Amino acid sequence: MSKKITVLGATGNIGTALVHTLLQQGHQVTAVSRPSARLDALAQAGATIKAGDAHDAAFLTEALRGADAAFLMIPPNVTSPDVLGFMDQIGEATAQAVRASGLKQAVHLSSIGADEPAGTGPVVGLHRQEARLNAIEGLSVVHLRPAYFMENLLANIGMIQHMGITGSATRPDAAFPMVATRDIAAKAAELLAGPTVANHAVQYLLGPRNYTLPEATAAIAQAIGRPELPYVPFSYEDAKKGMVGAGLSENQADLYDEMTRNINEGRSMANGPRDAASTTPTTLEEFAQTVFAPAYKAATA
């Protein structure tokens, strides 16, 4: 049965894949994002597009009105001087819009670690958003809690080009779950297109297994034909300097530092409940070949 489905954050990695999947399944999709060529491309693919600001509750209300279901997310802003404050503003606007539009069914992009009220860096903002959405009467919401995105590894491309390494403050022996965004989009599509699920349900998405960053580096090295590529652990201080040098705000760098320490200590960001439902198919080796290598080649051309 065809549904009317609204997708917020439609031009991100997850949103774009989700819009295309839902269109292929025959649903009427409204793609919502800031104006961009990527949004225009979704219109050409068959989506109705709405361009505007995620802070604007009236705009979001209009985008959600009449939808049978919606994909809700808070877009990242790594340059904000107050990342959690930014997330609270957009989270509030989204919750107001859900109430005003009368939306009945939603899939919310949260994160592993969102069960914790503190100590998880930017994920604290998603803990707060889960609570906001759970408080809305008449809304049936499922919270997706994916692990570390494999796509985060793309941030290493510049380092590989200029320094011949990958590196971070994450311990070389720290194994944690990593998931491809295509698998998150596939699960979101399945939930949005299906019957209403249990309210306030949580769905972890943990990739096929846990990986260390040296294992990730080895997969990347093979895919790009640089077998000698090493993983270099940085001090927390050097990692933060590198993030700020790359254009992140001091506040975002501090939050990522907190998240890294959480992983290094084997806490919530490194441990999700793994079962058949939370285990997703795309391996790190497949991601390295199909996503990382083409992106590296394009950046190096």
Protein backbone atom coordinates (compact mmCIF):
# COMPACT_ATOMS: atom_id res chain seq x y z
CA MET A 1 0.00 0.00 0.00
CA SER A 2 1.36 3.40 -1.02
CA LYS A 3 1.94 5.90 1.80
CA LYS A 4 2.66 9.60 2.02
CA ILE A 5 6.04 9.80 3.76
CA THR A 6 8.02 12.91 4.73
CA VAL A 7 11.80 12.64 5.08
CA LEU A 8 13.66 15.31 7.07
CA GLY A 9 17.40 15.67 6.38
CA ALA A 10 16.72 14.31 2.90
CA THR A 11 20.05 15.31 1.35
CA GLY A 12 22.31 13.49 3.85
CA ASN A 13 23.75 10.01 3.25
CA ILE A 14 20.84 8.30 5.02
CA GLY A 15 18.12 10.66 3.78
CA THR A 16 19.11 10.42 0.10
CA ALA A 17 19.20 6.61 0.14
CA LEU A 18 15.91 6.53 2.07
CA VAL A 19 14.11 8.83 -0.39
CA HIS A 20 15.24 6.74 -3.37
CA THR A 21 14.22 3.47 -1.68
CA LEU A 22 10.75 4.77 -0.77
CA LEU A 23 10.19 6.16 -4.30
CA GLN A 24 11.19 2.78 -5.79
CA GLN A 25 8.61 1.15 -3.53
CA GLY A 26 5.91 3.43 -4.95
CA HIS A 27 5.41 5.79 -2.00
CA GLN A 28 4.69 9.54 -2.28
CA VAL A 29 7.76 11.13 -0.72
CA THR A 30 8.25 14.69 0.48
CA ALA A 31 11.98 15.42 0.80
CA VAL A 32 12.83 18.19 3.27
CA SER A 33 16.18 19.96 3.55
CA ARG A 34 18.01 23.22 2.97
CA PRO A 35 18.01 24.35 -0.68
CA SER A 36 20.77 22.57 -2.65
CA ALA A 37 21.56 20.79 -5.89
CA ARG A 38 21.16 17.50 -3.99
CA LEU A 39 17.58 18.45 -3.08
CA ASP A 40 16.85 19.41 -6.71
CA ALA A 41 18.15 15.97 -7.76
CA LEU A 42 15.57 14.32 -5.46
CA ALA A 43 12.82 16.30 -7.24
CA GLN A 44 14.08 14.94 -10.56
CA ALA A 45 13.92 11.44 -9.05
CA GLY A 46 10.20 11.96 -8.29
CA ALA A 47 10.03 13.39 -4.77
CA THR A 48 8.09 16.49 -3.78
CA ILE A 49 10.67 18.83 -2.27
CA LYS A 50 10.36 21.41 0.48
CA ALA A 51 13.38 23.66 1.04
CA GLY A 52 13.72 25.53 4.30
CA ASP A 53 15.26 25.84 7.74
CA ALA A 54 15.03 23.06 10.33
CA HIS A 55 14.78 25.73 13.08
CA ASP A 56 11.44 26.89 11.60
CA ALA A 57 8.58 25.05 13.31
CA ALA A 58 5.97 26.52 10.92
CA PHE A 59 7.94 25.29 7.89
CA LEU A 60 8.36 21.82 9.44
CA THR A 61 4.65 21.68 10.35
CA GLU A 62 3.71 22.33 6.71
CA ALA A 63 6.18 19.64 5.57
CA LEU A 64 4.72 17.05 7.99
CA ARG A 65 1.02 17.89 7.56
CA GLY A 66 -0.88 15.11 5.81
CA ALA A 67 1.95 12.58 6.01
CA ASP A 68 1.14 9.00 7.01
CA ALA A 69 4.64 8.65 8.46
CA ALA A 70 7.87 10.64 8.71
CA PHE A 71 11.61 10.19 9.17
CA LEU A 72 12.77 12.64 11.84
CA MET A 73 16.38 13.68 12.44
CA ILE A 74 18.47 16.57 13.72
CA PRO A 75 21.04 17.59 11.09
CA PRO A 76 24.63 17.97 12.33
CA ASN A 77 26.29 21.35 12.72
CA VAL A 78 29.97 20.74 13.50
CA THR A 79 30.82 24.46 13.46
CA SER A 80 28.26 25.52 16.09
CA PRO A 81 29.78 27.12 19.21
CA ASP A 82 27.05 25.34 21.23
CA VAL A 83 26.26 22.01 19.57
CA LEU A 84 23.83 20.69 22.20
CA GLY A 85 22.04 24.07 22.24
CA PHE A 86 21.72 23.89 18.44
CA MET A 87 20.33 20.35 18.74
CA ASP A 88 17.85 21.46 21.42
CA GLN A 89 16.55 24.29 19.19
CA ILE A 90 15.94 22.02 16.21
CA GLY A 91 14.61 19.25 18.46
CA GLU A 92 12.07 21.63 19.98
CA ALA A 93 11.01 22.94 16.55
CA THR A 94 10.57 19.36 15.30
CA ALA A 95 8.51 18.34 18.33
CA GLN A 96 6.28 21.43 17.94
CA ALA A 97 5.78 20.59 14.25
CA VAL A 98 4.90 16.97 15.03
CA ARG A 99 2.24 18.14 17.48
CA ALA A 100 0.84 20.85 15.21
CA SER A 101 0.71 18.61 12.13
CA GLY A 102 -0.98 15.72 13.90
CA LEU A 103 1.67 13.23 12.69
CA LYS A 104 0.86 9.71 13.90
CA GLN A 105 3.87 7.56 12.94
CA ALA A 106 7.59 8.37 12.93
CA VAL A 107 11.03 6.82 12.72
CA HIS A 108 13.59 8.95 14.59
CA LEU A 109 17.31 8.81 13.84
CA SER A 110 18.93 8.55 17.26
CA SER A 111 22.21 6.80 18.17
CA ILE A 112 23.84 4.07 20.16
CA GLY A 113 24.45 5.55 23.63
CA ALA A 114 21.21 7.59 23.60
CA ASP A 115 19.97 5.70 26.66
CA GLU A 116 22.60 7.64 28.67
CA PRO A 117 21.81 11.22 29.84
CA ALA A 118 25.48 12.31 29.86
CA GLY A 119 29.01 11.29 28.87
CA THR A 120 28.35 10.48 25.20
CA GLY A 121 29.29 13.77 23.52
CA PRO A 122 26.80 14.96 20.88
CA VAL A 123 24.62 11.88 21.50
CA VAL A 124 23.34 13.63 24.66
CA GLY A 125 21.29 15.80 22.28
CA LEU A 126 19.61 12.68 20.88
CA HIS A 127 18.87 11.37 24.40
CA ARG A 128 16.94 14.62 24.95
CA GLN A 129 15.17 14.33 21.58
CA GLU A 130 14.01 10.76 22.28
CA ALA A 131 12.41 12.07 25.50
CA ARG A 132 10.75 14.99 23.64
CA LEU A 133 9.22 12.71 21.03
CA ASN A 134 8.15 10.10 23.58
CA ALA A 135 6.18 12.83 25.39
CA ILE A 136 3.98 13.59 22.34
CA GLU A 137 0.51 12.09 22.73
CA GLY A 138 -0.82 10.30 19.67
CA LEU A 139 2.62 9.78 18.08
CA SER A 140 3.93 6.24 17.60
CA VAL A 141 7.71 6.59 17.32
CA VAL A 142 10.57 4.12 16.78
CA HIS A 143 14.06 5.30 17.71
CA LEU A 144 16.83 3.96 15.48
CA ARG A 145 20.07 3.67 17.44
CA PRO A 146 22.83 3.04 14.89
CA ALA A 147 26.46 2.64 15.92
CA TYR A 148 29.44 4.61 14.55
CA PHE A 149 28.85 5.33 10.84
CA MET A 150 31.36 3.71 8.49
CA GLU A 151 31.06 6.97 6.51
CA ASN A 152 32.85 8.74 9.40
CA LEU A 153 36.00 7.05 8.08
CA LEU A 154 35.86 9.30 4.99
CA ALA A 155 37.27 12.07 7.21
CA ASN A 156 40.61 10.23 6.91
CA ILE A 157 40.97 10.97 3.18
CA GLY A 158 42.87 14.25 3.67
CA MET A 159 45.13 12.65 6.28
CA ILE A 160 45.96 9.76 3.95
CA GLN A 161 46.75 12.19 1.11
CA HIS A 162 48.88 14.60 3.13
CA MET A 163 50.39 12.46 5.91
CA GLY A 164 50.20 8.88 4.61
CA ILE A 165 48.34 7.66 7.72
CA THR A 166 44.93 7.29 9.32
CA GLY A 167 44.69 8.28 12.96
CA SER A 168 42.58 9.37 15.91
CA ALA A 169 42.56 9.29 19.70
CA THR A 170 40.67 5.97 19.66
CA ARG A 171 42.74 3.15 21.19
CA PRO A 172 44.06 0.67 18.57
CA ASP A 173 42.64 -2.26 20.57
CA ALA A 174 39.17 -0.71 21.11
CA ALA A 175 36.66 -2.75 19.11
CA PHE A 176 33.23 -1.22 18.55
CA PRO A 177 30.27 -1.62 16.17
CA MET A 178 30.31 0.22 12.82
CA VAL A 179 27.35 0.44 10.42
CA ALA A 180 26.99 1.59 6.80
CA THR A 181 24.45 4.39 6.30
CA ARG A 182 22.84 2.43 3.43
CA ASP A 183 21.80 -0.21 6.00
CA ILE A 184 20.32 2.47 8.29
CA ALA A 185 18.29 3.82 5.35
CA ALA A 186 17.07 0.30 4.50
CA LYS A 187 15.82 -0.28 8.06
CA ALA A 188 14.15 3.16 8.16
CA ALA A 189 12.37 2.41 4.88
CA GLU A 190 11.16 -0.95 6.18
CA LEU A 191 9.74 0.65 9.35
CA LEU A 192 8.17 3.65 7.59
CA ALA A 193 6.49 1.56 4.91
CA GLY A 194 5.28 -1.15 7.30
CA PRO A 195 2.44 -1.23 9.80
CA THR A 196 2.64 0.95 12.91
CA VAL A 197 5.15 -0.58 15.31
CA ALA A 198 5.26 -0.66 19.10
CA ASN A 199 5.40 2.89 20.43
CA HIS A 200 8.70 4.12 21.94
CA ALA A 201 10.42 1.06 20.44
CA VAL A 202 14.22 1.13 20.08
CA GLN A 203 16.07 -0.53 17.20
CA TYR A 204 19.86 -0.82 17.40
CA LEU A 205 21.82 -1.12 14.12
CA LEU A 206 25.34 -2.44 14.75
CA GLY A 207 26.85 -3.55 11.44
CA PRO A 208 28.01 -7.15 10.93
CA ARG A 209 30.49 -7.19 13.85
CA ASN A 210 32.72 -5.00 16.02
CA TYR A 211 35.89 -3.59 14.43
CA THR A 212 39.02 -1.82 15.64
CA LEU A 213 40.32 1.21 13.73
CA PRO A 214 43.48 -0.69 12.67
CA GLU A 215 41.12 -3.26 11.08
CA ALA A 216 39.26 -0.41 9.36
CA THR A 217 42.58 1.00 8.13
CA ALA A 218 43.60 -2.40 6.73
CA ALA A 219 40.30 -2.64 4.78
CA ILE A 220 40.78 0.89 3.43
CA ALA A 221 44.46 0.21 2.58
CA GLN A 222 43.51 -2.81 0.50
CA ALA A 223 40.68 -0.97 -1.27
CA ILE A 224 42.84 2.02 -2.30
CA GLY A 225 45.97 0.03 -3.13
CA ARG A 226 48.13 1.38 -0.30
CA PRO A 227 48.89 -1.78 1.71
CA GLU A 228 51.47 0.01 3.89
CA LEU A 229 48.92 2.48 5.31
CA PRO A 230 49.27 2.61 9.14
CA TYR A 231 46.79 3.53 11.88
CA VAL A 232 48.41 6.04 14.26
CA PRO A 233 46.89 6.66 17.72
CA PHE A 234 46.94 10.35 18.73
CA SER A 235 46.81 11.93 22.18
CA TYR A 236 43.42 13.41 23.09
CA GLU A 237 45.00 16.87 22.91
CA ASP A 238 46.46 16.37 19.43
CA ALA A 239 43.20 14.88 18.15
CA LYS A 240 41.26 17.93 19.39
CA LYS A 241 43.79 20.30 17.79
CA GLY A 242 43.39 18.41 14.50
CA MET A 243 39.59 18.64 14.62
CA VAL A 244 39.66 22.40 15.28
CA GLY A 245 42.26 22.79 12.52
CA ALA A 246 39.87 20.98 10.16
CA GLY A 247 37.15 23.56 10.89
CA LEU A 248 35.18 22.05 13.78
CA SER A 249 34.19 24.33 16.65
CA GLU A 250 35.99 23.96 20.00
CA ASN A 251 32.69 22.77 21.45
CA GLN A 252 32.20 20.06 18.80
CA ALA A 253 35.81 18.90 19.28
CA ASP A 254 35.21 18.65 23.05
CA LEU A 255 32.05 16.58 22.46
CA TYR A 256 33.84 14.23 20.05
CA ASP A 257 36.63 13.91 22.63
CA GLU A 258 34.04 12.82 25.21
CA MET A 259 32.59 10.28 22.75
CA THR A 260 36.07 8.88 21.99
CA ARG A 261 36.81 8.43 25.69
CA ASN A 262 33.47 6.59 26.03
CA ILE A 263 34.54 4.15 23.26
CA ASN A 264 38.06 3.75 24.70
CA GLU A 265 36.61 2.84 28.10
CA GLY A 266 34.22 0.27 26.55
CA ARG A 267 31.10 2.09 27.72
CA SER A 268 27.76 2.68 25.97
CA MET A 269 29.11 3.85 22.58
CA ALA A 270 31.04 0.58 22.19
CA ASN A 271 28.31 -1.82 23.36
CA GLY A 272 24.95 -2.41 21.72
CA PRO A 273 22.67 -5.41 22.19
CA ARG A 274 23.67 -7.58 19.23
CA ASP A 275 21.08 -9.97 17.81
CA ALA A 276 19.71 -10.87 14.35
CA ALA A 277 17.65 -7.65 14.19
CA SER A 278 20.53 -5.31 15.12
CA THR A 279 23.14 -7.00 12.90
CA THR A 280 23.26 -5.35 9.45
CA PRO A 281 24.80 -6.81 6.27
CA THR A 282 27.36 -4.34 4.86
CA THR A 283 30.90 -5.32 5.93
CA LEU A 284 33.71 -2.84 6.40
CA GLU A 285 35.57 -4.45 3.49
CA GLU A 286 32.55 -3.94 1.20
CA PHE A 287 32.19 -0.32 2.38
CA ALA A 288 35.90 0.31 1.72
CA GLN A 289 35.58 -1.01 -1.85
CA THR A 290 32.23 0.56 -2.82
CA VAL A 291 32.22 3.87 -0.92
CA PHE A 292 35.66 4.77 0.45
CA ALA A 293 37.76 3.89 -2.61
CA PRO A 294 35.61 5.89 -5.10
CA ALA A 295 35.55 8.91 -2.72
CA TYR A 296 39.34 8.68 -2.26
CA LYS A 297 39.87 8.42 -6.02
CA ALA A 298 37.63 11.45 -6.65
CA ALA A 299 39.45 13.52 -3.99
CA THR A 300 42.86 12.51 -5.35
CA ALA A 301 42.00 13.15 -9.03
